[in-house]
C-alpha atoms as a PDB file:
ATOM      1  CA  UNK A   1       0.000   0.000   0.000  1.00  0.00           C
ATOM      2  CA  UNK A   2       1.244   3.467  -0.822  1.00  0.00           C
ATOM      3  CA  UNK A   3       1.635   6.007   1.949  1.00  0.00           C
ATOM      4  CA  UNK A   4       0.072   9.448   1.818  1.00  0.00           C
ATOM      5  CA  UNK A   5       1.474  12.444   3.654  1.00  0.00           C
ATOM      6  CA  UNK A   6      -0.215  15.754   4.348  1.00  0.00           C
ATOM      7  CA  UNK A   7       1.412  19.098   5.199  1.00  0.00           C
ATOM      8  CA  UNK A   8      -0.166  21.833   7.282  1.00  0.00           C
ATOM      9  CA  UNK A   9       1.235  25.194   8.224  1.00  0.00           C
ATOM     10  CA  UNK A  10       1.012  26.530  11.778  1.00  0.00           C
ATOM     11  CA  UNK A  11       2.179  29.676  13.528  1.00  0.00           C
ATOM     12  CA  UNK A  12       3.442  29.744  17.106  1.00  0.00           C
ATOM     13  CA  UNK A  13       5.192  32.179  19.417  1.00  0.00           C
ATOM     14  CA  UNK A  14       7.149  32.207  22.646  1.00  0.00           C
ATOM     15  CA  UNK A  15       8.454  34.910  24.925  1.00  0.00           C
ATOM     16  CA  UNK A  16      11.625  32.846  25.554  1.00  0.00           C
ATOM     17  CA  UNK A  17      13.110  31.390  22.346  1.00  0.00           C
ATOM     18  CA  UNK A  18      12.622  30.148  18.796  1.00  0.00           C
ATOM     19  CA  UNK A  19      13.151  26.588  20.056  1.00  0.00           C
ATOM     20  CA  UNK A  20      10.310  26.951  22.540  1.00  0.00           C
ATOM     21  CA  UNK A  21       8.053  28.361  19.816  1.00  0.00           C
ATOM     22  CA  UNK A  22       8.795  25.345  17.579  1.00  0.00           C
ATOM     23  CA  UNK A  23       8.147  22.939  20.457  1.00  0.00           C
ATOM     24  CA  UNK A  24       4.864  24.684  21.146  1.00  0.00           C
ATOM     25  CA  UNK A  25       3.844  24.407  17.484  1.00  0.00           C
ATOM     26  CA  UNK A  26       4.513  20.671  17.448  1.00  0.00           C
ATOM     27  CA  UNK A  27       3.041  19.847  20.864  1.00  0.00           C
ATOM     28  CA  UNK A  28      -0.133  21.887  20.355  1.00  0.00           C
ATOM     29  CA  UNK A  29      -0.655  20.465  16.861  1.00  0.00           C
ATOM     30  CA  UNK A  30      -0.157  16.916  18.153  1.00  0.00           C
ATOM     31  CA  UNK A  31      -3.227  17.367  20.368  1.00  0.00           C
ATOM     32  CA  UNK A  32      -5.457  17.264  17.293  1.00  0.00           C
ATOM     33  CA  UNK A  33      -3.282  15.689  14.559  1.00  0.00           C
ATOM     34  CA  UNK A  34      -2.017  12.111  14.677  1.00  0.00           C
ATOM     35  CA  UNK A  35       1.035  10.572  13.014  1.00  0.00           C
ATOM     36  CA  UNK A  36       3.258  13.679  12.872  1.00  0.00           C
ATOM     37  CA  UNK A  37       6.452  12.748  11.023  1.00  0.00           C
ATOM     38  CA  UNK A  38       8.413  15.997  10.766  1.00  0.00           C
ATOM     39  CA  UNK A  39       8.401  19.749  11.183  1.00  0.00           C
ATOM     40  CA  UNK A  40      10.108  22.277   8.926  1.00  0.00           C
ATOM     41  CA  UNK A  41      10.696  25.803  10.195  1.00  0.00           C
ATOM     42  CA  UNK A  42       9.775  27.940   7.214  1.00  0.00           C
ATOM     43  CA  UNK A  43      10.172  31.368   8.758  1.00  0.00           C
ATOM     44  CA  UNK A  44      11.314  33.023  11.981  1.00  0.00           C
ATOM     45  CA  UNK A  45      10.624  36.548  13.188  1.00  0.00           C
ATOM     46  CA  UNK A  46      10.549  38.568  16.385  1.00  0.00           C
ATOM     47  CA  UNK A  47       8.514  41.428  17.730  1.00  0.00           C
ATOM     48  CA  UNK A  48      10.420  44.359  19.196  1.00  0.00           C
ATOM     49  CA  UNK A  49       9.255  46.260  22.258  1.00  0.00           C
ATOM     50  CA  UNK A  50      11.253  49.195  23.611  1.00  0.00           C
ATOM     51  CA  UNK A  51      14.365  48.113  21.737  1.00  0.00           C
ATOM     52  CA  UNK A  52      14.240  44.515  23.008  1.00  0.00           C
ATOM     53  CA  UNK A  53      12.912  41.251  21.627  1.00  0.00           C
ATOM     54  CA  UNK A  54       9.343  40.783  22.793  1.00  0.00           C
ATOM     55  CA  UNK A  55       8.164  37.553  21.160  1.00  0.00           C
ATOM     56  CA  UNK A  56       9.851  34.869  19.071  1.00  0.00           C
ATOM     57  CA  UNK A  57       7.575  33.753  16.236  1.00  0.00           C
ATOM     58  CA  UNK A  58       7.834  30.767  13.908  1.00  0.00           C
ATOM     59  CA  UNK A  59       5.959  29.590  10.855  1.00  0.00           C
ATOM     60  CA  UNK A  60       6.217  25.782  10.807  1.00  0.00           C
ATOM     61  CA  UNK A  61       5.203  23.227   8.184  1.00  0.00           C
ATOM     62  CA  UNK A  62       4.170  20.001   9.884  1.00  0.00           C
ATOM     63  CA  UNK A  63       4.041  16.753   7.920  1.00  0.00           C
ATOM     64  CA  UNK A  64       1.925  13.815   9.030  1.00  0.00           C
ATOM     65  CA  UNK A  65       0.893  10.518   7.509  1.00  0.00           C
ATOM     66  CA  UNK A  66      -2.724  10.058   6.546  1.00  0.00           C
ATOM     67  CA  UNK A  67      -4.336   6.997   8.098  1.00  0.00           C
ATOM     68  CA  UNK A  68      -5.903   5.258   5.099  1.00  0.00           C
ATOM     69  CA  UNK A  69      -7.283   2.320   7.108  1.00  0.00           C
ATOM     70  CA  UNK A  70     -10.326   4.025   8.650  1.00  0.00           C
ATOM     71  CA  UNK A  71     -11.751   5.543   5.469  1.00  0.00           C
ATOM     72  CA  UNK A  72     -11.271   9.121   6.723  1.00  0.00           C
ATOM     73  CA  UNK A  73      -8.698  10.541   4.303  1.00  0.00           C
ATOM     74  CA  UNK A  74      -8.996  14.222   5.251  1.00  0.00           C
END
């Protein structure tokens, strides 16, 4: 049987680091998406407040395998 993968894009932010923002993106997405295989950080940015970094933001593409066995292919 062939495997099918799906990619979604999520945004996340952290007040501490880019790494924490990526972890948040993956952990929050895993609450509603099964079979996550990988995450690709597409973009990083920060907000600036009073000359200092306020928030670390990431745009992450998350790839997961589609479970073809239950007939729900969305």
